[in-house]
Amino acid sequence: MSLHDDAVLVLKGYEGQPELRELYLEHLAARPDGMYKPCTGVHVTASALVVDPTRGRVLLTLHRKLNMWLQMGGHCEEHDATLAAAALREGVEESGIDRLALLPGGPVRLDRHETPCAWHLDVQYAAVAPADAVERISEESLDLRWFAYDEVGSVADASVVRLVEGTLARL
């Protein structure tokens, strides 16, 4: 099964945000290349909010290009077998934490946002960090920092706040 096919199945099974979900499915129906960065104008991305439920906190990255506190995430790559695998890969690469585990139940949210390269149709997952996790900043970040759940609204935009709220509801 291709990454494109997996994304269609994941989105068809996602029960929230029906209008946005339909937009994603229409994009994928029209664009066989719609999963990857070379698909100009708009493409699907995958992200993972790294959480530490035992300490009540989330790990955010200060994105180098956007200069915003965000969850880990980015473009799908040819070797990603599934959307979940792409989100987990991004989480590991950007957090430096090797043993992340995605929360069961599929994506937490969908978020459509404009970036300098294109519109991103982001499929957002949540990943639990192990108790002994040690984060390591990547070249894509200016900073990497843990924030208490109630601190996120003071540093990040509304999309990240909604992702944290969805993740807490899932936990």
N, C-alpha and C. Protein backbone atom coordinates (compact mmCIF):
# COMPACT_ATOMS: atom_id res chain seq x y z
N MET A 1 0.85 -1.17 0.00
CA MET A 1 0.00 0.00 0.00
C MET A 1 0.90 1.24 0.00
N SER A 2 0.54 2.20 -0.80
CA SER A 2 1.32 3.44 -0.88
C SER A 2 0.99 4.37 0.28
N LEU A 3 1.85 5.33 0.51
CA LEU A 3 1.58 6.35 1.53
C LEU A 3 0.30 7.11 1.19
N HIS A 4 0.09 7.40 -0.09
CA HIS A 4 -1.12 8.07 -0.54
C HIS A 4 -2.36 7.26 -0.16
N ASP A 5 -2.33 5.95 -0.43
CA ASP A 5 -3.46 5.07 -0.10
C ASP A 5 -3.69 5.01 1.40
N ASP A 6 -2.60 4.93 2.16
CA ASP A 6 -2.72 4.92 3.62
C ASP A 6 -3.38 6.21 4.11
N ALA A 7 -2.97 7.34 3.56
CA ALA A 7 -3.54 8.63 3.98
C ALA A 7 -5.03 8.67 3.70
N VAL A 8 -5.44 8.18 2.55
CA VAL A 8 -6.87 8.15 2.22
C VAL A 8 -7.62 7.30 3.25
N LEU A 9 -7.10 6.12 3.57
CA LEU A 9 -7.76 5.26 4.56
C LEU A 9 -7.82 5.91 5.93
N VAL A 10 -6.71 6.51 6.35
CA VAL A 10 -6.67 7.18 7.65
C VAL A 10 -7.71 8.29 7.70
N LEU A 11 -7.76 9.09 6.65
CA LEU A 11 -8.70 10.22 6.63
C LEU A 11 -10.15 9.77 6.54
N LYS A 12 -10.41 8.72 5.80
CA LYS A 12 -11.78 8.18 5.74
C LYS A 12 -12.22 7.66 7.09
N GLY A 13 -11.27 7.15 7.88
CA GLY A 13 -11.59 6.65 9.21
C GLY A 13 -11.61 7.71 10.30
N TYR A 14 -11.13 8.89 9.98
CA TYR A 14 -11.09 9.99 10.96
C TYR A 14 -12.48 10.59 11.06
N GLU A 15 -13.05 10.63 12.25
CA GLU A 15 -14.44 11.05 12.42
C GLU A 15 -14.62 12.52 12.74
N GLY A 16 -13.57 13.23 13.07
CA GLY A 16 -13.71 14.63 13.42
C GLY A 16 -13.57 15.55 12.23
N GLN A 17 -13.89 16.81 12.43
CA GLN A 17 -13.66 17.88 11.46
C GLN A 17 -14.08 17.49 10.04
N PRO A 18 -15.34 17.19 9.81
CA PRO A 18 -15.77 16.65 8.51
C PRO A 18 -15.48 17.54 7.31
N GLU A 19 -15.64 18.84 7.42
CA GLU A 19 -15.38 19.71 6.27
C GLU A 19 -13.91 19.72 5.90
N LEU A 20 -13.05 19.81 6.89
CA LEU A 20 -11.61 19.81 6.63
C LEU A 20 -11.17 18.44 6.12
N ARG A 21 -11.72 17.40 6.70
CA ARG A 21 -11.40 16.03 6.26
C ARG A 21 -11.75 15.87 4.78
N GLU A 22 -12.89 16.38 4.35
CA GLU A 22 -13.30 16.30 2.95
C GLU A 22 -12.34 17.08 2.05
N LEU A 23 -11.88 18.23 2.50
CA LEU A 23 -10.91 19.00 1.74
C LEU A 23 -9.64 18.18 1.51
N TYR A 24 -9.16 17.51 2.55
CA TYR A 24 -7.97 16.66 2.44
C TYR A 24 -8.22 15.54 1.42
N LEU A 25 -9.37 14.87 1.54
CA LEU A 25 -9.68 13.76 0.64
C LEU A 25 -9.84 14.23 -0.81
N GLU A 26 -10.43 15.40 -1.01
CA GLU A 26 -10.54 15.95 -2.36
C GLU A 26 -9.16 16.24 -2.94
N HIS A 27 -8.30 16.80 -2.12
CA HIS A 27 -6.93 17.07 -2.57
C HIS A 27 -6.24 15.78 -3.01
N LEU A 28 -6.34 14.74 -2.19
CA LEU A 28 -5.67 13.49 -2.52
C LEU A 28 -6.30 12.81 -3.74
N ALA A 29 -7.60 12.95 -3.92
CA ALA A 29 -8.26 12.38 -5.10
C ALA A 29 -7.78 13.07 -6.37
N ALA A 30 -7.51 14.35 -6.27
CA ALA A 30 -7.09 15.13 -7.45
C ALA A 30 -5.59 15.06 -7.70
N ARG A 31 -4.82 14.77 -6.67
CA ARG A 31 -3.36 14.85 -6.79
C ARG A 31 -2.69 13.56 -6.31
N PRO A 32 -2.31 12.67 -7.19
CA PRO A 32 -1.59 11.47 -6.77
C PRO A 32 -0.26 11.80 -6.08
N ASP A 33 0.29 12.99 -6.36
CA ASP A 33 1.54 13.43 -5.73
C ASP A 33 1.29 14.29 -4.50
N GLY A 34 0.06 14.35 -4.02
CA GLY A 34 -0.35 15.28 -2.99
C GLY A 34 0.21 15.08 -1.61
N MET A 35 1.02 14.02 -1.43
CA MET A 35 1.61 13.74 -0.13
C MET A 35 2.97 14.41 0.05
N TYR A 36 3.53 14.94 -1.03
CA TYR A 36 4.93 15.33 -0.98
C TYR A 36 5.16 16.80 -1.30
N LYS A 37 6.26 17.33 -0.79
CA LYS A 37 6.61 18.73 -0.96
C LYS A 37 6.63 19.21 -2.41
N PRO A 38 7.07 18.41 -3.38
CA PRO A 38 7.05 18.89 -4.77
C PRO A 38 5.65 19.19 -5.31
N CYS A 39 4.61 18.71 -4.64
CA CYS A 39 3.25 19.04 -5.05
C CYS A 39 3.03 20.52 -4.71
N THR A 40 3.14 21.36 -5.71
CA THR A 40 3.12 22.81 -5.48
C THR A 40 1.76 23.31 -5.02
N GLY A 41 1.80 24.32 -4.21
CA GLY A 41 0.58 24.97 -3.75
C GLY A 41 0.00 24.40 -2.48
N VAL A 42 -0.08 23.08 -2.40
CA VAL A 42 -0.66 22.43 -1.22
C VAL A 42 -0.18 20.98 -1.17
N HIS A 43 0.14 20.50 0.03
CA HIS A 43 0.48 19.10 0.22
C HIS A 43 0.20 18.67 1.66
N VAL A 44 0.08 17.36 1.82
CA VAL A 44 -0.19 16.78 3.13
C VAL A 44 1.12 16.70 3.91
N THR A 45 1.04 17.03 5.19
CA THR A 45 2.17 16.91 6.10
C THR A 45 1.73 16.08 7.31
N ALA A 46 2.68 15.70 8.14
CA ALA A 46 2.38 14.91 9.34
C ALA A 46 3.13 15.50 10.52
N SER A 47 2.48 15.54 11.66
CA SER A 47 3.14 16.08 12.85
C SER A 47 2.77 15.26 14.08
N ALA A 48 3.58 15.46 15.13
CA ALA A 48 3.37 14.76 16.39
C ALA A 48 3.63 15.71 17.54
N LEU A 49 2.66 15.86 18.40
CA LEU A 49 2.83 16.61 19.64
C LEU A 49 3.43 15.66 20.67
N VAL A 50 4.62 15.96 21.13
CA VAL A 50 5.30 15.11 22.11
C VAL A 50 4.82 15.50 23.50
N VAL A 51 4.28 14.51 24.22
CA VAL A 51 3.73 14.77 25.55
C VAL A 51 4.42 13.89 26.59
N ASP A 52 4.44 14.42 27.80
CA ASP A 52 4.93 13.70 28.96
C ASP A 52 3.80 13.76 29.99
N PRO A 53 2.85 12.81 29.91
CA PRO A 53 1.68 12.87 30.79
C PRO A 53 2.01 12.76 32.27
N THR A 54 3.10 12.07 32.62
CA THR A 54 3.43 11.92 34.04
C THR A 54 3.85 13.25 34.66
N ARG A 55 4.37 14.16 33.83
CA ARG A 55 4.78 15.47 34.34
C ARG A 55 3.87 16.59 33.86
N GLY A 56 2.84 16.26 33.09
CA GLY A 56 1.88 17.26 32.64
C GLY A 56 2.49 18.32 31.74
N ARG A 57 3.24 17.85 30.72
CA ARG A 57 3.92 18.83 29.89
C ARG A 57 4.02 18.35 28.43
N VAL A 58 4.31 19.31 27.55
CA VAL A 58 4.51 19.02 26.13
C VAL A 58 5.84 19.62 25.70
N LEU A 59 6.44 18.99 24.70
CA LEU A 59 7.70 19.47 24.15
C LEU A 59 7.41 20.20 22.85
N LEU A 60 7.81 21.46 22.80
CA LEU A 60 7.63 22.26 21.58
C LEU A 60 8.98 22.67 21.02
N THR A 61 8.98 22.90 19.73
CA THR A 61 10.18 23.35 19.05
C THR A 61 9.98 24.78 18.55
N LEU A 62 10.99 25.59 18.72
CA LEU A 62 10.96 26.94 18.14
C LEU A 62 11.49 26.78 16.72
N HIS A 63 10.57 26.74 15.78
CA HIS A 63 10.88 26.44 14.38
C HIS A 63 11.84 27.47 13.80
N ARG A 64 12.89 26.99 13.19
CA ARG A 64 13.95 27.86 12.66
C ARG A 64 13.42 28.82 11.60
N LYS A 65 12.62 28.34 10.66
CA LYS A 65 12.15 29.19 9.56
C LYS A 65 10.95 30.05 9.93
N LEU A 66 10.06 29.52 10.76
CA LEU A 66 8.82 30.24 11.10
C LEU A 66 8.94 31.06 12.37
N ASN A 67 9.96 30.78 13.19
CA ASN A 67 10.16 31.46 14.47
C ASN A 67 8.90 31.42 15.34
N MET A 68 8.31 30.23 15.39
CA MET A 68 7.10 29.99 16.19
C MET A 68 7.30 28.70 16.99
N TRP A 69 6.69 28.64 18.18
CA TRP A 69 6.69 27.42 18.97
C TRP A 69 5.62 26.49 18.39
N LEU A 70 6.04 25.30 17.97
CA LEU A 70 5.16 24.34 17.30
C LEU A 70 5.43 22.93 17.79
N GLN A 71 4.52 22.02 17.46
CA GLN A 71 4.75 20.60 17.63
C GLN A 71 5.77 20.14 16.59
N MET A 72 6.32 18.96 16.77
CA MET A 72 7.26 18.41 15.79
C MET A 72 6.47 18.02 14.55
N GLY A 73 7.04 18.25 13.38
CA GLY A 73 6.32 17.83 12.18
C GLY A 73 6.94 18.35 10.92
N GLY A 74 6.41 17.88 9.80
CA GLY A 74 6.91 18.34 8.52
C GLY A 74 6.47 17.50 7.36
N HIS A 75 7.27 17.54 6.32
CA HIS A 75 6.92 16.92 5.04
C HIS A 75 7.05 15.40 5.10
N CYS A 76 6.16 14.74 4.39
CA CYS A 76 6.25 13.30 4.21
C CYS A 76 7.39 13.01 3.25
N GLU A 77 8.00 11.85 3.42
CA GLU A 77 9.11 11.45 2.56
C GLU A 77 8.77 10.15 1.86
N GLU A 78 9.44 9.90 0.75
CA GLU A 78 9.16 8.72 -0.09
C GLU A 78 9.24 7.41 0.70
N HIS A 79 10.13 7.32 1.69
CA HIS A 79 10.28 6.08 2.44
C HIS A 79 9.28 5.92 3.58
N ASP A 80 8.45 6.92 3.84
CA ASP A 80 7.42 6.80 4.89
C ASP A 80 6.34 5.83 4.40
N ALA A 81 6.12 4.76 5.15
CA ALA A 81 5.13 3.76 4.74
C ALA A 81 3.70 4.20 5.06
N THR A 82 3.55 4.97 6.15
CA THR A 82 2.22 5.40 6.58
C THR A 82 2.29 6.84 7.11
N LEU A 83 1.13 7.46 7.23
CA LEU A 83 1.08 8.79 7.84
C LEU A 83 1.57 8.74 9.28
N ALA A 84 1.16 7.71 10.00
CA ALA A 84 1.60 7.56 11.39
C ALA A 84 3.13 7.44 11.45
N ALA A 85 3.71 6.68 10.54
CA ALA A 85 5.17 6.54 10.51
C ALA A 85 5.85 7.87 10.21
N ALA A 86 5.26 8.66 9.32
CA ALA A 86 5.82 9.98 9.00
C ALA A 86 5.77 10.88 10.22
N ALA A 87 4.64 10.88 10.93
CA ALA A 87 4.52 11.71 12.13
C ALA A 87 5.51 11.27 13.20
N LEU A 88 5.66 9.96 13.38
CA LEU A 88 6.59 9.45 14.38
C LEU A 88 8.03 9.79 13.99
N ARG A 89 8.37 9.63 12.72
CA ARG A 89 9.72 9.99 12.25
C ARG A 89 10.01 11.45 12.54
N GLU A 90 9.07 12.33 12.20
CA GLU A 90 9.26 13.76 12.46
C GLU A 90 9.42 14.02 13.95
N GLY A 91 8.61 13.35 14.76
CA GLY A 91 8.72 13.52 16.21
C GLY A 91 10.09 13.14 16.74
N VAL A 92 10.59 12.00 16.28
CA VAL A 92 11.90 11.53 16.72
C VAL A 92 13.01 12.45 16.21
N GLU A 93 12.96 12.79 14.92
CA GLU A 93 14.01 13.64 14.34
C GLU A 93 14.10 14.99 15.04
N GLU A 94 12.97 15.61 15.29
CA GLU A 94 12.97 16.98 15.81
C GLU A 94 13.09 17.06 17.32
N SER A 95 12.72 15.98 18.03
CA SER A 95 12.83 16.00 19.49
C SER A 95 14.13 15.36 19.98
N GLY A 96 14.69 14.47 19.15
CA GLY A 96 15.87 13.73 19.57
C GLY A 96 15.54 12.58 20.51
N ILE A 97 14.27 12.32 20.75
CA ILE A 97 13.83 11.24 21.65
C ILE A 97 13.51 10.01 20.81
N ASP A 98 14.28 8.95 21.01
CA ASP A 98 14.16 7.76 20.16
C ASP A 98 12.93 6.90 20.43
N ARG A 99 12.49 6.82 21.65
CA ARG A 99 11.44 5.85 22.01
C ARG A 99 10.07 6.50 22.21
N LEU A 100 9.67 7.32 21.26
CA LEU A 100 8.33 7.88 21.30
C LEU A 100 7.32 6.81 20.90
N ALA A 101 6.12 6.92 21.43
CA ALA A 101 5.04 6.00 21.07
C ALA A 101 3.79 6.82 20.75
N LEU A 102 3.26 6.66 19.54
CA LEU A 102 2.05 7.39 19.18
C LEU A 102 0.88 6.93 20.03
N LEU A 103 0.04 7.88 20.42
CA LEU A 103 -1.20 7.52 21.11
C LEU A 103 -2.06 6.70 20.17
N PRO A 104 -2.71 5.68 20.66
CA PRO A 104 -3.59 4.89 19.79
C PRO A 104 -4.81 5.71 19.34
N GLY A 105 -5.44 5.25 18.29
CA GLY A 105 -6.66 5.90 17.83
C GLY A 105 -6.47 6.81 16.63
N GLY A 106 -5.29 6.85 16.08
CA GLY A 106 -5.07 7.65 14.87
C GLY A 106 -4.85 9.12 15.16
N PRO A 107 -5.05 9.96 14.15
CA PRO A 107 -4.80 11.39 14.31
C PRO A 107 -5.66 12.01 15.42
N VAL A 108 -5.09 13.02 16.06
CA VAL A 108 -5.82 13.78 17.07
C VAL A 108 -6.61 14.90 16.41
N ARG A 109 -6.00 15.55 15.43
CA ARG A 109 -6.63 16.69 14.75
C ARG A 109 -6.10 16.82 13.34
N LEU A 110 -6.79 17.66 12.57
CA LEU A 110 -6.32 18.12 11.27
C LEU A 110 -6.15 19.63 11.37
N ASP A 111 -5.16 20.16 10.66
CA ASP A 111 -4.98 21.61 10.66
C ASP A 111 -4.45 22.05 9.30
N ARG A 112 -5.13 22.98 8.68
CA ARG A 112 -4.72 23.54 7.39
C ARG A 112 -4.11 24.91 7.66
N HIS A 113 -2.86 25.10 7.22
CA HIS A 113 -2.20 26.38 7.47
C HIS A 113 -1.24 26.71 6.34
N GLU A 114 -1.02 27.99 6.14
CA GLU A 114 -0.12 28.44 5.09
C GLU A 114 1.29 28.57 5.64
N THR A 115 2.26 28.11 4.84
CA THR A 115 3.67 28.23 5.17
C THR A 115 4.37 28.90 3.99
N PRO A 116 5.63 29.26 4.14
CA PRO A 116 6.34 29.87 3.00
C PRO A 116 6.40 28.99 1.75
N CYS A 117 6.37 27.65 1.92
CA CYS A 117 6.49 26.77 0.74
C CYS A 117 5.15 26.44 0.12
N ALA A 118 4.07 26.39 0.90
CA ALA A 118 2.76 25.97 0.38
C ALA A 118 1.75 25.93 1.53
N TRP A 119 0.50 25.63 1.17
CA TRP A 119 -0.48 25.31 2.20
C TRP A 119 -0.19 23.89 2.68
N HIS A 120 -0.18 23.71 3.98
CA HIS A 120 0.02 22.38 4.56
C HIS A 120 -1.32 21.85 5.05
N LEU A 121 -1.64 20.65 4.64
CA LEU A 121 -2.79 19.92 5.17
C LEU A 121 -2.20 18.95 6.19
N ASP A 122 -2.08 19.42 7.42
CA ASP A 122 -1.36 18.70 8.45
C ASP A 122 -2.25 17.68 9.15
N VAL A 123 -1.76 16.45 9.23
CA VAL A 123 -2.43 15.39 9.98
C VAL A 123 -1.65 15.27 11.28
N GLN A 124 -2.32 15.58 12.39
CA GLN A 124 -1.64 15.76 13.67
C GLN A 124 -1.90 14.60 14.62
N TYR A 125 -0.81 13.99 15.05
CA TYR A 125 -0.83 12.89 16.01
C TYR A 125 -0.28 13.40 17.34
N ALA A 126 -0.33 12.54 18.34
CA ALA A 126 0.33 12.82 19.63
C ALA A 126 1.22 11.63 19.95
N ALA A 127 2.39 11.91 20.52
CA ALA A 127 3.36 10.88 20.87
C ALA A 127 3.76 11.03 22.32
N VAL A 128 3.76 9.93 23.04
CA VAL A 128 4.15 9.93 24.45
C VAL A 128 5.64 9.67 24.56
N ALA A 129 6.30 10.52 25.33
CA ALA A 129 7.73 10.37 25.59
C ALA A 129 7.93 9.40 26.76
N PRO A 130 8.97 8.59 26.72
CA PRO A 130 9.25 7.71 27.85
C PRO A 130 9.66 8.54 29.07
N ALA A 131 9.52 7.95 30.25
CA ALA A 131 9.79 8.66 31.50
C ALA A 131 11.22 9.20 31.57
N ASP A 132 12.15 8.48 30.96
CA ASP A 132 13.56 8.91 31.03
C ASP A 132 13.99 9.69 29.79
N ALA A 133 13.06 10.26 29.07
CA ALA A 133 13.36 10.95 27.81
C ALA A 133 14.31 12.12 28.01
N VAL A 134 15.27 12.21 27.10
CA VAL A 134 16.18 13.35 27.06
C VAL A 134 16.08 13.91 25.64
N GLU A 135 15.61 15.13 25.56
CA GLU A 135 15.44 15.77 24.25
C GLU A 135 16.78 16.27 23.72
N ARG A 136 16.85 16.41 22.40
CA ARG A 136 18.07 16.88 21.74
C ARG A 136 17.64 17.76 20.57
N ILE A 137 18.09 18.97 20.54
CA ILE A 137 17.69 19.93 19.53
C ILE A 137 18.22 19.51 18.15
N SER A 138 17.41 19.72 17.12
CA SER A 138 17.82 19.40 15.75
C SER A 138 18.18 20.68 15.01
N GLU A 139 18.73 20.52 13.83
CA GLU A 139 19.11 21.68 13.02
C GLU A 139 17.89 22.46 12.53
N GLU A 140 16.71 21.88 12.63
CA GLU A 140 15.50 22.57 12.19
C GLU A 140 14.95 23.53 13.24
N SER A 141 15.53 23.49 14.42
CA SER A 141 15.00 24.26 15.55
C SER A 141 15.98 25.31 16.05
N LEU A 142 15.41 26.39 16.54
CA LEU A 142 16.19 27.38 17.27
C LEU A 142 16.27 27.03 18.74
N ASP A 143 15.22 26.34 19.23
CA ASP A 143 15.16 25.96 20.63
C ASP A 143 14.19 24.79 20.75
N LEU A 144 14.26 24.10 21.85
CA LEU A 144 13.40 22.96 22.16
C LEU A 144 13.14 23.04 23.65
N ARG A 145 11.87 23.05 24.04
CA ARG A 145 11.58 23.28 25.46
C ARG A 145 10.28 22.59 25.87
N TRP A 146 10.27 22.11 27.10
CA TRP A 146 9.06 21.54 27.70
C TRP A 146 8.22 22.67 28.28
N PHE A 147 6.91 22.59 28.06
CA PHE A 147 5.96 23.55 28.63
C PHE A 147 4.84 22.79 29.34
N ALA A 148 4.45 23.29 30.50
CA ALA A 148 3.26 22.74 31.17
C ALA A 148 2.07 22.96 30.25
N TYR A 149 1.09 22.07 30.34
CA TYR A 149 -0.08 22.17 29.46
C TYR A 149 -0.67 23.58 29.47
N ASP A 150 -0.79 24.16 30.67
CA ASP A 150 -1.45 25.48 30.76
C ASP A 150 -0.54 26.64 30.33
N GLU A 151 0.71 26.37 30.01
CA GLU A 151 1.62 27.41 29.52
C GLU A 151 1.59 27.55 27.99
N VAL A 152 1.09 26.54 27.31
CA VAL A 152 1.16 26.50 25.84
C VAL A 152 0.48 27.71 25.22
N GLY A 153 -0.65 28.12 25.73
CA GLY A 153 -1.38 29.26 25.18
C GLY A 153 -0.61 30.56 25.23
N SER A 154 0.37 30.67 26.12
CA SER A 154 1.13 31.91 26.23
C SER A 154 2.33 31.95 25.27
N VAL A 155 2.66 30.81 24.64
CA VAL A 155 3.81 30.78 23.73
C VAL A 155 3.47 30.36 22.31
N ALA A 156 2.38 29.63 22.14
CA ALA A 156 2.05 29.06 20.82
C ALA A 156 0.72 29.60 20.31
N ASP A 157 0.48 29.38 19.02
CA ASP A 157 -0.76 29.86 18.43
C ASP A 157 -1.93 28.92 18.74
N ALA A 158 -3.11 29.32 18.29
CA ALA A 158 -4.34 28.60 18.61
C ALA A 158 -4.34 27.17 18.08
N SER A 159 -3.67 26.92 16.95
CA SER A 159 -3.66 25.56 16.41
C SER A 159 -2.94 24.60 17.35
N VAL A 160 -1.87 25.05 17.96
CA VAL A 160 -1.14 24.20 18.91
C VAL A 160 -1.97 24.01 20.18
N VAL A 161 -2.63 25.06 20.62
CA VAL A 161 -3.50 24.96 21.80
C VAL A 161 -4.60 23.93 21.55
N ARG A 162 -5.22 23.97 20.36
CA ARG A 162 -6.28 22.99 20.03
C ARG A 162 -5.71 21.57 19.99
N LEU A 163 -4.50 21.42 19.49
CA LEU A 163 -3.87 20.10 19.46
C LEU A 163 -3.60 19.60 20.87
N VAL A 164 -3.13 20.46 21.74
CA VAL A 164 -2.93 20.07 23.14
C VAL A 164 -4.27 19.67 23.77
N GLU A 165 -5.30 20.45 23.55
CA GLU A 165 -6.63 20.13 24.11
C GLU A 165 -7.13 18.78 23.58
N GLY A 166 -6.97 18.54 22.29
CA GLY A 166 -7.39 17.25 21.72
C GLY A 166 -6.59 16.10 22.29
N THR A 167 -5.30 16.32 22.50
CA THR A 167 -4.45 15.29 23.05
C THR A 167 -4.83 14.99 24.50
N LEU A 168 -5.09 16.02 25.28
CA LEU A 168 -5.49 15.81 26.67
C LEU A 168 -6.82 15.06 26.75
N ALA A 169 -7.74 15.35 25.84
CA ALA A 169 -9.01 14.62 25.80
C ALA A 169 -8.76 13.14 25.46
N ARG A 170 -7.80 12.89 24.60
CA ARG A 170 -7.47 11.51 24.20
C ARG A 170 -6.79 10.77 25.35
N LEU A 171 -5.94 11.48 26.12
CA LEU A 171 -5.25 10.84 27.25
C LEU A 171 -6.25 10.44 28.32
